[in-house]
């Protein structure tokens, strides 16, 4: 009877856990509505693949667009890594002169954004429609001729 080393047992257990857990618990759908790019998030933004997926998706889009809404309405949970991903989005946006706003209807998500002071970094709107309307209104104000007295 051969004995298996403790390291081999740990590795086997780790591989078994990976087989049982889905690879990514966040789906991202990106679309463009007029001049606003929308990233719809569904699932959770958590440590590892989910947080990296959101940061990566935004990093690809930032050089190509000026206005992005991240729709968190379908997000069930955000952990510390997910909050870090949102901070990464803010830094990437700033570096690319891109405006980002969040749409979050879930009370827990909104409370988390308020508690962590991310509401001072992002505009947060209760719905996707409210966020896109706010962008369009700000665009109209930018394009309006200045009043001269």
N, C-alpha and C. Protein backbone atom coordinates (compact mmCIF):
# COMPACT_ATOMS: atom_id res chain seq x y z
N UNK A 1 0.82 -1.16 0.00
CA UNK A 1 0.00 0.00 0.00
C UNK A 1 0.87 1.24 0.00
N UNK A 2 0.74 2.04 -1.05
CA UNK A 2 1.53 3.26 -1.11
C UNK A 2 0.81 4.41 -0.41
N UNK A 3 1.58 5.21 0.23
CA UNK A 3 0.99 6.35 0.89
C UNK A 3 1.14 7.59 0.00
N UNK A 4 0.14 8.42 0.05
CA UNK A 4 0.16 9.66 -0.71
C UNK A 4 0.66 10.77 0.21
N UNK A 5 1.53 11.59 -0.32
CA UNK A 5 2.08 12.67 0.49
C UNK A 5 1.00 13.70 0.82
N UNK A 6 1.16 14.40 1.94
CA UNK A 6 0.19 15.44 2.30
C UNK A 6 0.05 16.51 1.22
N UNK A 7 1.15 16.85 0.56
CA UNK A 7 1.09 17.86 -0.49
C UNK A 7 0.24 17.37 -1.67
N UNK A 8 0.40 16.12 -2.02
CA UNK A 8 -0.38 15.55 -3.11
C UNK A 8 -1.87 15.53 -2.76
N UNK A 9 -2.19 15.21 -1.50
CA UNK A 9 -3.60 15.21 -1.06
C UNK A 9 -4.19 16.61 -1.14
N UNK A 10 -3.42 17.59 -0.67
CA UNK A 10 -3.90 18.98 -0.73
C UNK A 10 -4.14 19.40 -2.17
N UNK A 11 -3.23 19.07 -3.06
CA UNK A 11 -3.37 19.44 -4.46
C UNK A 11 -4.60 18.76 -5.07
N UNK A 12 -4.81 17.49 -4.72
CA UNK A 12 -5.98 16.77 -5.23
C UNK A 12 -7.28 17.41 -4.72
N UNK A 13 -7.32 17.80 -3.46
CA UNK A 13 -8.51 18.47 -2.91
C UNK A 13 -8.74 19.82 -3.59
N UNK A 14 -7.66 20.55 -3.84
CA UNK A 14 -7.78 21.85 -4.50
C UNK A 14 -8.35 21.69 -5.90
N UNK A 15 -7.85 20.69 -6.63
CA UNK A 15 -8.35 20.44 -7.98
C UNK A 15 -9.82 20.01 -7.96
N UNK A 16 -10.19 19.20 -6.98
CA UNK A 16 -11.59 18.79 -6.87
C UNK A 16 -12.50 19.98 -6.61
N UNK A 17 -12.06 20.91 -5.76
CA UNK A 17 -12.85 22.12 -5.48
C UNK A 17 -13.01 22.95 -6.74
N UNK A 18 -11.94 23.08 -7.51
CA UNK A 18 -12.00 23.87 -8.74
C UNK A 18 -12.99 23.27 -9.72
N UNK A 19 -13.06 21.93 -9.79
CA UNK A 19 -14.00 21.28 -10.70
C UNK A 19 -15.44 21.56 -10.30
N UNK A 20 -15.70 21.70 -9.00
CA UNK A 20 -17.06 21.90 -8.51
C UNK A 20 -17.51 23.35 -8.59
N UNK A 21 -16.56 24.30 -8.51
CA UNK A 21 -16.91 25.72 -8.53
C UNK A 21 -16.86 26.22 -9.96
N UNK A 22 -17.87 26.99 -10.37
CA UNK A 22 -17.80 27.59 -11.70
C UNK A 22 -16.64 28.56 -11.77
N UNK A 23 -16.06 28.67 -12.94
CA UNK A 23 -14.89 29.51 -13.15
C UNK A 23 -15.19 30.99 -12.89
N UNK A 24 -16.29 31.48 -13.41
CA UNK A 24 -16.60 32.90 -13.30
C UNK A 24 -18.05 33.07 -12.88
N UNK A 25 -18.27 33.79 -11.80
CA UNK A 25 -19.63 34.02 -11.29
C UNK A 25 -20.10 35.45 -11.60
N UNK A 26 -19.54 36.00 -12.66
CA UNK A 26 -19.92 37.33 -13.10
C UNK A 26 -20.04 37.31 -14.61
N UNK A 27 -21.18 37.77 -15.11
CA UNK A 27 -21.29 37.92 -16.55
C UNK A 27 -21.28 39.41 -16.87
N UNK A 28 -20.55 39.74 -17.92
CA UNK A 28 -20.42 41.13 -18.36
C UNK A 28 -20.95 41.23 -19.78
N UNK A 29 -21.84 42.17 -19.99
CA UNK A 29 -22.36 42.43 -21.33
C UNK A 29 -22.11 43.89 -21.62
N UNK A 30 -21.42 44.16 -22.71
CA UNK A 30 -21.09 45.53 -23.08
C UNK A 30 -21.87 45.92 -24.33
N UNK A 31 -22.46 47.09 -24.28
CA UNK A 31 -23.18 47.61 -25.45
C UNK A 31 -23.01 49.12 -25.50
N UNK A 32 -23.25 49.67 -26.68
CA UNK A 32 -23.16 51.12 -26.85
C UNK A 32 -24.54 51.63 -27.20
N UNK A 33 -25.01 52.59 -26.42
CA UNK A 33 -26.29 53.24 -26.67
C UNK A 33 -25.97 54.70 -26.96
N UNK A 34 -26.07 55.07 -28.24
CA UNK A 34 -25.69 56.41 -28.71
C UNK A 34 -24.23 56.65 -28.35
N UNK A 35 -23.98 57.59 -27.47
CA UNK A 35 -22.60 57.94 -27.14
C UNK A 35 -22.16 57.43 -25.77
N UNK A 36 -22.95 56.53 -25.19
CA UNK A 36 -22.64 56.00 -23.86
C UNK A 36 -22.41 54.50 -23.95
N UNK A 37 -21.28 54.04 -23.43
CA UNK A 37 -21.00 52.61 -23.37
C UNK A 37 -21.52 52.09 -22.03
N UNK A 38 -22.24 50.98 -22.08
CA UNK A 38 -22.82 50.40 -20.87
C UNK A 38 -22.21 49.02 -20.65
N UNK A 39 -21.70 48.81 -19.44
CA UNK A 39 -21.23 47.48 -19.03
C UNK A 39 -22.24 46.96 -18.01
N UNK A 40 -23.01 45.96 -18.41
CA UNK A 40 -24.00 45.34 -17.51
C UNK A 40 -23.34 44.19 -16.77
N UNK A 41 -23.37 44.24 -15.45
CA UNK A 41 -22.76 43.20 -14.61
C UNK A 41 -23.87 42.39 -13.95
N UNK A 42 -23.74 41.07 -14.02
CA UNK A 42 -24.69 40.20 -13.33
C UNK A 42 -23.90 39.14 -12.57
N UNK A 43 -24.24 38.95 -11.31
CA UNK A 43 -23.55 37.95 -10.48
C UNK A 43 -22.87 38.61 -9.30
N UNK A 44 -21.59 38.30 -9.15
CA UNK A 44 -20.84 38.86 -8.03
C UNK A 44 -19.50 39.39 -8.52
N UNK A 45 -19.04 40.43 -7.87
CA UNK A 45 -17.72 40.97 -8.18
C UNK A 45 -16.87 40.68 -6.95
N UNK A 46 -16.08 39.62 -7.09
CA UNK A 46 -15.36 39.10 -5.93
C UNK A 46 -13.92 38.76 -6.31
N UNK A 47 -13.18 38.33 -5.31
CA UNK A 47 -11.77 38.00 -5.43
C UNK A 47 -11.52 37.09 -6.62
N UNK A 48 -10.49 37.39 -7.32
CA UNK A 48 -9.95 36.63 -8.42
C UNK A 48 -10.57 37.00 -9.75
N UNK A 49 -11.15 36.01 -10.40
CA UNK A 49 -11.55 36.15 -11.80
C UNK A 49 -12.61 37.22 -12.02
N UNK A 50 -13.58 37.33 -11.10
CA UNK A 50 -14.66 38.30 -11.31
C UNK A 50 -14.14 39.74 -11.27
N UNK A 51 -13.38 40.06 -10.25
CA UNK A 51 -12.83 41.42 -10.13
C UNK A 51 -11.90 41.72 -11.29
N UNK A 52 -11.07 40.76 -11.65
CA UNK A 52 -10.14 40.95 -12.77
C UNK A 52 -10.89 41.11 -14.09
N UNK A 53 -12.00 40.41 -14.25
CA UNK A 53 -12.79 40.50 -15.48
C UNK A 53 -13.34 41.91 -15.66
N UNK A 54 -13.87 42.50 -14.59
CA UNK A 54 -14.41 43.85 -14.69
C UNK A 54 -13.30 44.86 -14.98
N UNK A 55 -12.21 44.78 -14.26
CA UNK A 55 -11.08 45.70 -14.50
C UNK A 55 -10.56 45.57 -15.93
N UNK A 56 -10.43 44.32 -16.38
CA UNK A 56 -9.92 44.07 -17.73
C UNK A 56 -10.86 44.58 -18.81
N UNK A 57 -12.14 44.33 -18.64
CA UNK A 57 -13.14 44.81 -19.60
C UNK A 57 -13.07 46.33 -19.72
N UNK A 58 -13.02 47.00 -18.58
CA UNK A 58 -12.98 48.46 -18.61
C UNK A 58 -11.67 48.96 -19.22
N UNK A 59 -10.56 48.32 -18.88
CA UNK A 59 -9.25 48.75 -19.41
C UNK A 59 -9.23 48.68 -20.93
N UNK A 60 -9.91 47.70 -21.51
CA UNK A 60 -9.98 47.59 -22.97
C UNK A 60 -10.84 48.70 -23.57
N UNK A 61 -11.92 49.07 -22.88
CA UNK A 61 -12.86 50.05 -23.40
C UNK A 61 -12.41 51.50 -23.22
N UNK A 62 -11.73 51.79 -22.13
CA UNK A 62 -11.41 53.17 -21.74
C UNK A 62 -10.75 53.99 -22.85
N UNK A 63 -9.77 53.46 -23.58
CA UNK A 63 -9.15 54.29 -24.62
C UNK A 63 -10.09 54.60 -25.80
N UNK A 64 -11.17 53.84 -25.92
CA UNK A 64 -12.05 53.98 -27.09
C UNK A 64 -13.32 54.76 -26.82
N UNK A 65 -13.62 55.08 -25.58
CA UNK A 65 -14.88 55.72 -25.26
C UNK A 65 -14.66 56.82 -24.23
N UNK A 66 -15.58 57.74 -24.15
CA UNK A 66 -15.46 58.84 -23.20
C UNK A 66 -16.48 58.75 -22.07
N UNK A 67 -17.55 58.00 -22.25
CA UNK A 67 -18.62 57.92 -21.24
C UNK A 67 -19.03 56.46 -21.04
N UNK A 68 -18.93 56.01 -19.80
CA UNK A 68 -19.27 54.62 -19.48
C UNK A 68 -20.18 54.58 -18.26
N UNK A 69 -21.21 53.75 -18.37
CA UNK A 69 -22.06 53.44 -17.22
C UNK A 69 -21.79 51.99 -16.87
N UNK A 70 -21.46 51.74 -15.62
CA UNK A 70 -21.34 50.37 -15.14
C UNK A 70 -22.63 50.07 -14.39
N UNK A 71 -23.39 49.16 -14.95
CA UNK A 71 -24.69 48.80 -14.40
C UNK A 71 -24.51 47.68 -13.38
N UNK A 72 -24.64 48.03 -12.10
CA UNK A 72 -24.47 47.06 -11.01
C UNK A 72 -25.82 46.50 -10.55
N UNK A 73 -26.88 46.80 -11.29
CA UNK A 73 -28.23 46.39 -10.86
C UNK A 73 -28.38 44.87 -10.75
N UNK A 74 -27.60 44.12 -11.50
CA UNK A 74 -27.67 42.66 -11.44
C UNK A 74 -26.62 42.04 -10.52
N UNK A 75 -25.91 42.88 -9.76
CA UNK A 75 -24.84 42.38 -8.89
C UNK A 75 -25.41 42.02 -7.52
N UNK A 76 -25.12 40.81 -7.09
CA UNK A 76 -25.61 40.31 -5.81
C UNK A 76 -24.66 40.64 -4.67
N UNK A 77 -23.34 40.70 -4.98
CA UNK A 77 -22.35 40.84 -3.93
C UNK A 77 -21.08 41.46 -4.48
N UNK A 78 -20.47 42.32 -3.67
CA UNK A 78 -19.15 42.87 -3.98
C UNK A 78 -18.30 42.71 -2.74
N UNK A 79 -17.12 42.08 -2.90
CA UNK A 79 -16.22 41.95 -1.76
C UNK A 79 -15.10 42.99 -1.88
N UNK A 80 -14.09 42.89 -1.04
CA UNK A 80 -12.99 43.86 -1.03
C UNK A 80 -12.27 43.92 -2.37
N UNK A 81 -12.08 42.78 -3.00
CA UNK A 81 -11.43 42.76 -4.32
C UNK A 81 -12.30 43.44 -5.36
N UNK A 82 -13.61 43.28 -5.23
CA UNK A 82 -14.53 43.95 -6.14
C UNK A 82 -14.49 45.46 -5.97
N UNK A 83 -14.39 45.91 -4.72
CA UNK A 83 -14.23 47.34 -4.47
C UNK A 83 -12.91 47.84 -5.05
N UNK A 84 -11.88 47.01 -4.93
CA UNK A 84 -10.59 47.35 -5.54
C UNK A 84 -10.69 47.45 -7.05
N UNK A 85 -11.50 46.58 -7.65
CA UNK A 85 -11.70 46.64 -9.10
C UNK A 85 -12.38 47.95 -9.49
N UNK A 86 -13.34 48.39 -8.68
CA UNK A 86 -13.99 49.67 -8.97
C UNK A 86 -13.00 50.84 -8.84
N UNK A 87 -12.10 50.77 -7.87
CA UNK A 87 -11.07 51.81 -7.73
C UNK A 87 -10.13 51.78 -8.95
N UNK A 88 -9.80 50.58 -9.40
CA UNK A 88 -8.98 50.43 -10.60
C UNK A 88 -9.68 51.04 -11.81
N UNK A 89 -10.99 50.84 -11.91
CA UNK A 89 -11.78 51.44 -12.98
C UNK A 89 -11.67 52.97 -12.90
N UNK A 90 -11.80 53.52 -11.71
CA UNK A 90 -11.72 54.98 -11.54
C UNK A 90 -10.36 55.51 -11.97
N UNK A 91 -9.29 54.83 -11.60
CA UNK A 91 -7.94 55.26 -11.97
C UNK A 91 -7.71 55.15 -13.47
N UNK A 92 -8.18 54.06 -14.06
CA UNK A 92 -8.05 53.87 -15.51
C UNK A 92 -8.85 54.93 -16.25
N UNK A 93 -10.04 55.23 -15.76
CA UNK A 93 -10.88 56.26 -16.37
C UNK A 93 -10.17 57.61 -16.35
N UNK A 94 -9.61 57.94 -15.19
CA UNK A 94 -8.91 59.22 -15.05
C UNK A 94 -7.73 59.31 -16.02
N UNK A 95 -6.98 58.22 -16.14
CA UNK A 95 -5.82 58.21 -17.02
C UNK A 95 -6.21 58.34 -18.50
N UNK A 96 -7.42 57.90 -18.83
CA UNK A 96 -7.89 57.93 -20.22
C UNK A 96 -8.90 59.05 -20.48
N UNK A 97 -9.07 59.95 -19.52
CA UNK A 97 -10.03 61.05 -19.64
C UNK A 97 -11.42 60.55 -20.02
N UNK A 98 -11.85 59.55 -19.27
CA UNK A 98 -13.13 58.89 -19.50
C UNK A 98 -14.01 59.10 -18.27
N UNK A 99 -15.28 59.39 -18.48
CA UNK A 99 -16.21 59.58 -17.36
C UNK A 99 -16.94 58.27 -17.09
N UNK A 100 -17.04 57.91 -15.81
CA UNK A 100 -17.72 56.67 -15.42
C UNK A 100 -18.76 57.00 -14.37
N UNK A 101 -19.92 56.42 -14.54
CA UNK A 101 -20.96 56.53 -13.52
C UNK A 101 -21.49 55.12 -13.25
N UNK A 102 -22.06 54.94 -12.08
CA UNK A 102 -22.58 53.63 -11.68
C UNK A 102 -24.09 53.67 -11.58
N UNK A 103 -24.71 52.57 -11.93
CA UNK A 103 -26.15 52.40 -11.69
C UNK A 103 -26.28 51.25 -10.70
N UNK A 104 -26.93 51.50 -9.57
CA UNK A 104 -27.06 50.47 -8.54
C UNK A 104 -28.42 50.60 -7.86
N UNK A 105 -29.27 49.60 -8.06
CA UNK A 105 -30.59 49.66 -7.43
C UNK A 105 -30.62 48.94 -6.09
N UNK A 106 -29.81 47.91 -5.95
CA UNK A 106 -29.84 47.11 -4.72
C UNK A 106 -29.38 47.95 -3.53
N UNK A 107 -30.18 47.95 -2.48
CA UNK A 107 -29.85 48.74 -1.30
C UNK A 107 -28.51 48.35 -0.70
N UNK A 108 -28.22 47.04 -0.65
CA UNK A 108 -26.95 46.60 -0.06
C UNK A 108 -25.75 47.11 -0.85
N UNK A 109 -25.86 47.10 -2.17
CA UNK A 109 -24.76 47.58 -3.01
C UNK A 109 -24.60 49.09 -2.83
N UNK A 110 -25.70 49.82 -2.84
CA UNK A 110 -25.64 51.28 -2.64
C UNK A 110 -25.06 51.61 -1.27
N UNK A 111 -25.49 50.89 -0.24
CA UNK A 111 -24.97 51.12 1.11
C UNK A 111 -23.48 50.85 1.19
N UNK A 112 -23.03 49.80 0.51
CA UNK A 112 -21.60 49.48 0.49
C UNK A 112 -20.82 50.59 -0.20
N UNK A 113 -21.33 51.10 -1.30
CA UNK A 113 -20.66 52.20 -1.99
C UNK A 113 -20.61 53.45 -1.12
N UNK A 114 -21.67 53.69 -0.37
CA UNK A 114 -21.69 54.85 0.54
C UNK A 114 -20.74 54.64 1.71
N UNK A 115 -20.78 53.46 2.31
CA UNK A 115 -19.94 53.14 3.46
C UNK A 115 -18.45 53.27 3.14
N UNK A 116 -18.07 52.84 1.94
CA UNK A 116 -16.67 52.87 1.53
C UNK A 116 -16.28 54.19 0.86
N UNK A 117 -17.22 55.12 0.82
CA UNK A 117 -17.00 56.46 0.26
C UNK A 117 -16.74 56.42 -1.25
N UNK A 118 -17.10 55.35 -1.92
CA UNK A 118 -16.95 55.33 -3.37
C UNK A 118 -17.96 56.24 -4.05
N UNK A 119 -18.96 56.70 -3.30
CA UNK A 119 -19.89 57.68 -3.84
C UNK A 119 -19.21 59.04 -4.03
N UNK A 120 -18.05 59.22 -3.41
CA UNK A 120 -17.29 60.45 -3.65
C UNK A 120 -16.39 60.31 -4.88
N UNK A 121 -16.24 59.09 -5.36
CA UNK A 121 -15.42 58.82 -6.54
C UNK A 121 -16.30 58.72 -7.80
N UNK A 122 -17.45 58.08 -7.66
CA UNK A 122 -18.38 57.86 -8.77
C UNK A 122 -19.71 58.55 -8.50
N UNK A 123 -20.35 59.01 -9.57
CA UNK A 123 -21.76 59.36 -9.46
C UNK A 123 -22.50 58.03 -9.44
N UNK A 124 -23.46 57.91 -8.53
CA UNK A 124 -24.24 56.67 -8.43
C UNK A 124 -25.71 57.03 -8.65
N UNK A 125 -26.32 56.34 -9.60
CA UNK A 125 -27.72 56.58 -9.93
C UNK A 125 -28.52 55.32 -9.61
N UNK A 126 -29.80 55.48 -9.31
CA UNK A 126 -30.62 54.33 -8.91
C UNK A 126 -30.94 53.36 -10.05
N UNK A 127 -30.88 53.84 -11.29
CA UNK A 127 -31.20 52.96 -12.43
C UNK A 127 -30.25 53.25 -13.59
N UNK A 128 -30.22 52.35 -14.53
CA UNK A 128 -29.43 52.53 -15.74
C UNK A 128 -29.96 53.72 -16.53
N UNK A 129 -31.28 53.83 -16.64
CA UNK A 129 -31.88 54.96 -17.36
C UNK A 129 -31.47 56.29 -16.74
N UNK A 130 -31.53 56.38 -15.43
CA UNK A 130 -31.14 57.63 -14.75
C UNK A 130 -29.69 57.98 -15.03
N UNK A 131 -28.82 56.98 -15.06
CA UNK A 131 -27.40 57.22 -15.31
C UNK A 131 -27.17 57.70 -16.74
N UNK A 132 -27.81 57.09 -17.72
CA UNK A 132 -27.62 57.51 -19.11
C UNK A 132 -28.23 58.88 -19.36
N UNK A 133 -29.37 59.18 -18.75
CA UNK A 133 -29.99 60.50 -18.88
C UNK A 133 -29.05 61.56 -18.30
N UNK A 134 -28.45 61.29 -17.15
CA UNK A 134 -27.52 62.24 -16.52
C UNK A 134 -26.33 62.52 -17.44
N UNK A 135 -25.80 61.50 -18.09
CA UNK A 135 -24.69 61.69 -19.03
C UNK A 135 -25.12 62.58 -20.19
N UNK A 136 -26.28 62.30 -20.74
CA UNK A 136 -26.76 63.07 -21.89
C UNK A 136 -27.02 64.53 -21.51
N UNK A 137 -27.54 64.75 -20.31
CA UNK A 137 -27.78 66.13 -19.86
C UNK A 137 -26.46 66.87 -19.69
N UNK A 138 -25.47 66.19 -19.14
CA UNK A 138 -24.16 66.85 -18.95
C UNK A 138 -23.53 67.14 -20.31
N UNK A 139 -23.76 66.27 -21.29
CA UNK A 139 -23.22 66.49 -22.63
C UNK A 139 -23.88 67.71 -23.27
N UNK A 140 -25.19 67.85 -23.10
CA UNK A 140 -25.90 69.02 -23.66
C UNK A 140 -25.38 70.30 -23.03
N UNK A 141 -25.11 70.27 -21.72
CA UNK A 141 -24.60 71.46 -21.04
C UNK A 141 -23.21 71.83 -21.55
N UNK A 142 -22.39 70.81 -21.85
CA UNK A 142 -21.04 71.05 -22.38
C UNK A 142 -21.12 71.68 -23.76
N UNK A 143 -22.11 71.28 -24.55
CA UNK A 143 -22.22 71.76 -25.93
C UNK A 143 -22.95 73.09 -26.05
N UNK A 144 -23.67 73.48 -25.03
CA UNK A 144 -24.44 74.74 -25.08
C UNK A 144 -23.47 75.92 -25.13
N UNK A 145 -23.81 76.91 -25.95
CA UNK A 145 -22.92 78.08 -26.00
C UNK A 145 -22.94 78.83 -24.67
N UNK A 146 -21.81 79.36 -24.33
CA UNK A 146 -21.69 80.10 -23.07
C UNK A 146 -22.41 81.43 -23.19
N UNK A 147 -23.06 81.84 -22.14
CA UNK A 147 -23.74 83.14 -22.11
C UNK A 147 -22.71 84.25 -21.94
N UNK A 148 -22.90 85.31 -22.72
CA UNK A 148 -21.99 86.45 -22.60
C UNK A 148 -22.78 87.64 -22.10
N UNK A 149 -22.26 88.30 -21.12
CA UNK A 149 -22.92 89.48 -20.56
C UNK A 149 -22.12 90.71 -20.86
